[in-house]
Amino acid sequence: MSLDNLILLTGRTISQGVALEGGKASRENVRACGICTFDADDFKKLDCLVGTPVKVITDYGEVVVYSTITEEGPHQGIIFIPMGPWANQLVNPSSQACGTPTYKGMKAKVEVVKSGKKGE
């Protein structure tokens, strides 16, 4: 199953800040940053369980992260990935002369990953 025409937002989270104390490569950081958060109604359309790997695709790249449902909302059509190595693979690298890439408002597509095999 997949969802098209989503808007990707990135940002910092409290759990991400706590996890960084253990280092960027720590298990806690992967759990805090290697996720994509969905609106509950959008998540139902994916027909998968929380924690299922999903591939997020933008015009600038793609990444596989773990799925989760937001505790806030509703905000149908919007997904959130915490800033970090996963989000950085999806954003427009052009800083438009301001030194910072665009971290909010990118069009995205999400696909459920059927297995752990690369390319699926």
C-alpha atoms as a PDB file:
ATOM      1  CA  MET A   1       0.000   0.000   0.000  1.00  0.00           C
ATOM      2  CA  SER A   2       1.152   3.567  -0.587  1.00  0.00           C
ATOM      3  CA  LEU A   3       0.112   7.156   0.013  1.00  0.00           C
ATOM      4  CA  ASP A   4       0.760   9.918  -2.514  1.00  0.00           C
ATOM      5  CA  ASN A   5       0.548  13.705  -2.297  1.00  0.00           C
ATOM      6  CA  LEU A   6       1.719  13.978   1.295  1.00  0.00           C
ATOM      7  CA  ILE A   7       3.521  17.000   2.722  1.00  0.00           C
ATOM      8  CA  LEU A   8       6.750  16.258   4.605  1.00  0.00           C
ATOM      9  CA  LEU A   9       7.709  18.372   7.596  1.00  0.00           C
ATOM     10  CA  THR A  10      10.902  17.940   9.591  1.00  0.00           C
ATOM     11  CA  GLY A  11      11.871  19.358  12.952  1.00  0.00           C
ATOM     12  CA  ARG A  12      13.390  18.677  16.333  1.00  0.00           C
ATOM     13  CA  THR A  13      11.713  16.610  19.060  1.00  0.00           C
ATOM     14  CA  ILE A  14      12.278  16.277  22.788  1.00  0.00           C
ATOM     15  CA  SER A  15      12.895  12.520  22.519  1.00  0.00           C
ATOM     16  CA  GLN A  16      15.485  13.235  19.840  1.00  0.00           C
ATOM     17  CA  GLY A  17      17.345  15.602  22.156  1.00  0.00           C
ATOM     18  CA  VAL A  18      17.372  13.027  24.938  1.00  0.00           C
ATOM     19  CA  ALA A  19      18.534  10.264  22.566  1.00  0.00           C
ATOM     20  CA  LEU A  20      21.435  12.340  21.240  1.00  0.00           C
ATOM     21  CA  GLU A  21      23.025  12.175  24.682  1.00  0.00           C
ATOM     22  CA  GLY A  22      23.887   8.561  23.825  1.00  0.00           C
ATOM     23  CA  GLY A  23      25.376   9.491  20.450  1.00  0.00           C
ATOM     24  CA  LYS A  24      24.095   9.670  16.888  1.00  0.00           C
ATOM     25  CA  ALA A  25      24.696   5.962  16.265  1.00  0.00           C
ATOM     26  CA  SER A  26      22.905   4.834  19.418  1.00  0.00           C
ATOM     27  CA  ARG A  27      19.843   2.606  19.325  1.00  0.00           C
ATOM     28  CA  GLU A  28      17.901   5.335  21.140  1.00  0.00           C
ATOM     29  CA  ASN A  29      18.726   7.867  18.427  1.00  0.00           C
ATOM     30  CA  VAL A  30      17.565   5.507  15.676  1.00  0.00           C
ATOM     31  CA  ARG A  31      14.297   5.005  17.563  1.00  0.00           C
ATOM     32  CA  ALA A  32      13.903   8.767  18.017  1.00  0.00           C
ATOM     33  CA  CYS A  33      14.944   9.950  14.545  1.00  0.00           C
ATOM     34  CA  GLY A  34      14.536   7.027  12.124  1.00  0.00           C
ATOM     35  CA  ILE A  35      10.753   7.345  12.163  1.00  0.00           C
ATOM     36  CA  CYS A  36       7.945   8.792  10.093  1.00  0.00           C
ATOM     37  CA  THR A  37       4.930  10.010  12.036  1.00  0.00           C
ATOM     38  CA  PHE A  38       1.485   9.821  10.429  1.00  0.00           C
ATOM     39  CA  ASP A  39      -1.979  11.166  11.096  1.00  0.00           C
ATOM     40  CA  ALA A  40      -4.114   8.307  12.457  1.00  0.00           C
ATOM     41  CA  ASP A  41      -6.513   8.332   9.490  1.00  0.00           C
ATOM     42  CA  ASP A  42      -3.666   8.374   6.960  1.00  0.00           C
ATOM     43  CA  PHE A  43      -1.966   5.520   8.797  1.00  0.00           C
ATOM     44  CA  LYS A  44      -5.095   3.356   8.520  1.00  0.00           C
ATOM     45  CA  LYS A  45      -4.885   3.718   4.735  1.00  0.00           C
ATOM     46  CA  LEU A  46      -1.404   2.160   4.773  1.00  0.00           C
ATOM     47  CA  ASP A  47      -2.921  -1.016   6.269  1.00  0.00           C
ATOM     48  CA  CYS A  48       0.126  -1.899   8.365  1.00  0.00           C
ATOM     49  CA  LEU A  49       1.196  -2.073  12.004  1.00  0.00           C
ATOM     50  CA  VAL A  50       3.008   0.634  13.958  1.00  0.00           C
ATOM     51  CA  GLY A  51       6.730   0.037  13.556  1.00  0.00           C
ATOM     52  CA  THR A  52       6.433  -1.333  10.030  1.00  0.00           C
ATOM     53  CA  PRO A  53       9.231   0.001   7.806  1.00  0.00           C
ATOM     54  CA  VAL A  54       8.059   2.489   5.194  1.00  0.00           C
ATOM     55  CA  LYS A  55       9.886   4.066   2.281  1.00  0.00           C
ATOM     56  CA  VAL A  56       9.497   7.843   2.095  1.00  0.00           C
ATOM     57  CA  ILE A  57      10.184   9.295  -1.353  1.00  0.00           C
ATOM     58  CA  THR A  58      10.654  12.940  -2.373  1.00  0.00           C
ATOM     59  CA  ASP A  59      12.079  14.574  -5.494  1.00  0.00           C
ATOM     60  CA  TYR A  60      15.436  14.709  -3.692  1.00  0.00           C
ATOM     61  CA  GLY A  61      15.815  11.182  -2.351  1.00  0.00           C
ATOM     62  CA  GLU A  62      14.281   8.261  -0.526  1.00  0.00           C
ATOM     63  CA  VAL A  63      14.786   6.598   2.831  1.00  0.00           C
ATOM     64  CA  VAL A  64      13.375   3.672   4.809  1.00  0.00           C
ATOM     65  CA  VAL A  65      12.210   4.543   8.337  1.00  0.00           C
ATOM     66  CA  TYR A  66       9.853   3.063  10.917  1.00  0.00           C
ATOM     67  CA  SER A  67       6.195   4.101  10.929  1.00  0.00           C
ATOM     68  CA  THR A  68       4.391   5.576  13.902  1.00  0.00           C
ATOM     69  CA  ILE A  69       1.160   7.455  14.631  1.00  0.00           C
ATOM     70  CA  THR A  70       1.185  10.975  16.005  1.00  0.00           C
ATOM     71  CA  GLU A  71      -0.262  11.726  19.411  1.00  0.00           C
ATOM     72  CA  GLU A  72      -1.142  15.180  18.112  1.00  0.00           C
ATOM     73  CA  GLY A  73      -3.391  16.204  15.304  1.00  0.00           C
ATOM     74  CA  PRO A  74      -5.433  15.584  13.312  1.00  0.00           C
ATOM     75  CA  HIS A  75      -3.301  16.678  10.382  1.00  0.00           C
ATOM     76  CA  GLN A  76      -4.275  14.565   7.394  1.00  0.00           C
ATOM     77  CA  GLY A  77      -1.884  14.637   4.474  1.00  0.00           C
ATOM     78  CA  ILE A  78       1.121  15.669   6.585  1.00  0.00           C
ATOM     79  CA  ILE A  79       3.971  13.414   7.693  1.00  0.00           C
ATOM     80  CA  PHE A  80       6.790  14.283  10.086  1.00  0.00           C
ATOM     81  CA  ILE A  81      10.377  13.032  10.280  1.00  0.00           C
ATOM     82  CA  PRO A  82      12.730  14.353  12.966  1.00  0.00           C
ATOM     83  CA  MET A  83      15.777  16.235  11.663  1.00  0.00           C
ATOM     84  CA  GLY A  84      18.768  13.983  11.243  1.00  0.00           C
ATOM     85  CA  PRO A  85      20.400  11.672   8.719  1.00  0.00           C
ATOM     86  CA  TRP A  86      17.092  10.220   7.529  1.00  0.00           C
ATOM     87  CA  ALA A  87      15.408  13.577   6.957  1.00  0.00           C
ATOM     88  CA  ASN A  88      18.564  14.958   5.329  1.00  0.00           C
ATOM     89  CA  GLN A  89      18.261  12.374   2.551  1.00  0.00           C
ATOM     90  CA  LEU A  90      14.841  13.762   1.615  1.00  0.00           C
ATOM     91  CA  VAL A  91      15.267  17.534   1.630  1.00  0.00           C
ATOM     92  CA  ASN A  92      16.254  19.881  -1.179  1.00  0.00           C
ATOM     93  CA  PRO A  93      20.014  20.372  -0.774  1.00  0.00           C
ATOM     94  CA  SER A  94      19.846  23.890  -2.206  1.00  0.00           C
ATOM     95  CA  SER A  95      20.031  26.474   0.560  1.00  0.00           C
ATOM     96  CA  GLN A  96      18.894  29.286  -1.769  1.00  0.00           C
ATOM     97  CA  ALA A  97      21.865  31.380  -0.557  1.00  0.00           C
ATOM     98  CA  CYS A  98      20.717  31.340   3.079  1.00  0.00           C
ATOM     99  CA  GLY A  99      22.866  28.417   4.275  1.00  0.00           C
ATOM    100  CA  THR A 100      19.982  26.187   5.344  1.00  0.00           C
ATOM    101  CA  PRO A 101      18.035  23.741   3.161  1.00  0.00           C
ATOM    102  CA  THR A 102      14.253  23.727   3.047  1.00  0.00           C
ATOM    103  CA  TYR A 103      13.148  21.405   5.839  1.00  0.00           C
ATOM    104  CA  LYS A 104       9.391  21.883   5.547  1.00  0.00           C
ATOM    105  CA  GLY A 105       6.703  21.532   2.918  1.00  0.00           C
ATOM    106  CA  MET A 106       8.143  18.991   0.480  1.00  0.00           C
ATOM    107  CA  LYS A 107       5.861  16.735  -1.510  1.00  0.00           C
ATOM    108  CA  ALA A 108       6.318  13.111  -0.521  1.00  0.00           C
ATOM    109  CA  LYS A 109       5.086   9.615  -1.232  1.00  0.00           C
ATOM    110  CA  VAL A 110       5.139   6.719   1.245  1.00  0.00           C
ATOM    111  CA  GLU A 111       5.214   3.000   0.474  1.00  0.00           C
ATOM    112  CA  VAL A 112       5.033   0.120   2.931  1.00  0.00           C
ATOM    113  CA  VAL A 113       8.203  -1.975   2.766  1.00  0.00           C
ATOM    114  CA  LYS A 114       7.141  -5.585   2.279  1.00  0.00           C
ATOM    115  CA  SER A 115      10.433  -7.118   3.422  1.00  0.00           C
ATOM    116  CA  GLY A 116      13.837  -6.142   4.668  1.00  0.00           C
ATOM    117  CA  LYS A 117      15.356  -6.757   1.262  1.00  0.00           C
ATOM    118  CA  LYS A 118      16.870  -3.801  -0.523  1.00  0.00           C
ATOM    119  CA  GLY A 119      14.772  -2.549  -3.422  1.00  0.00           C
ATOM    120  CA  GLU A 120      11.391  -3.685  -2.084  1.00  0.00           C
END
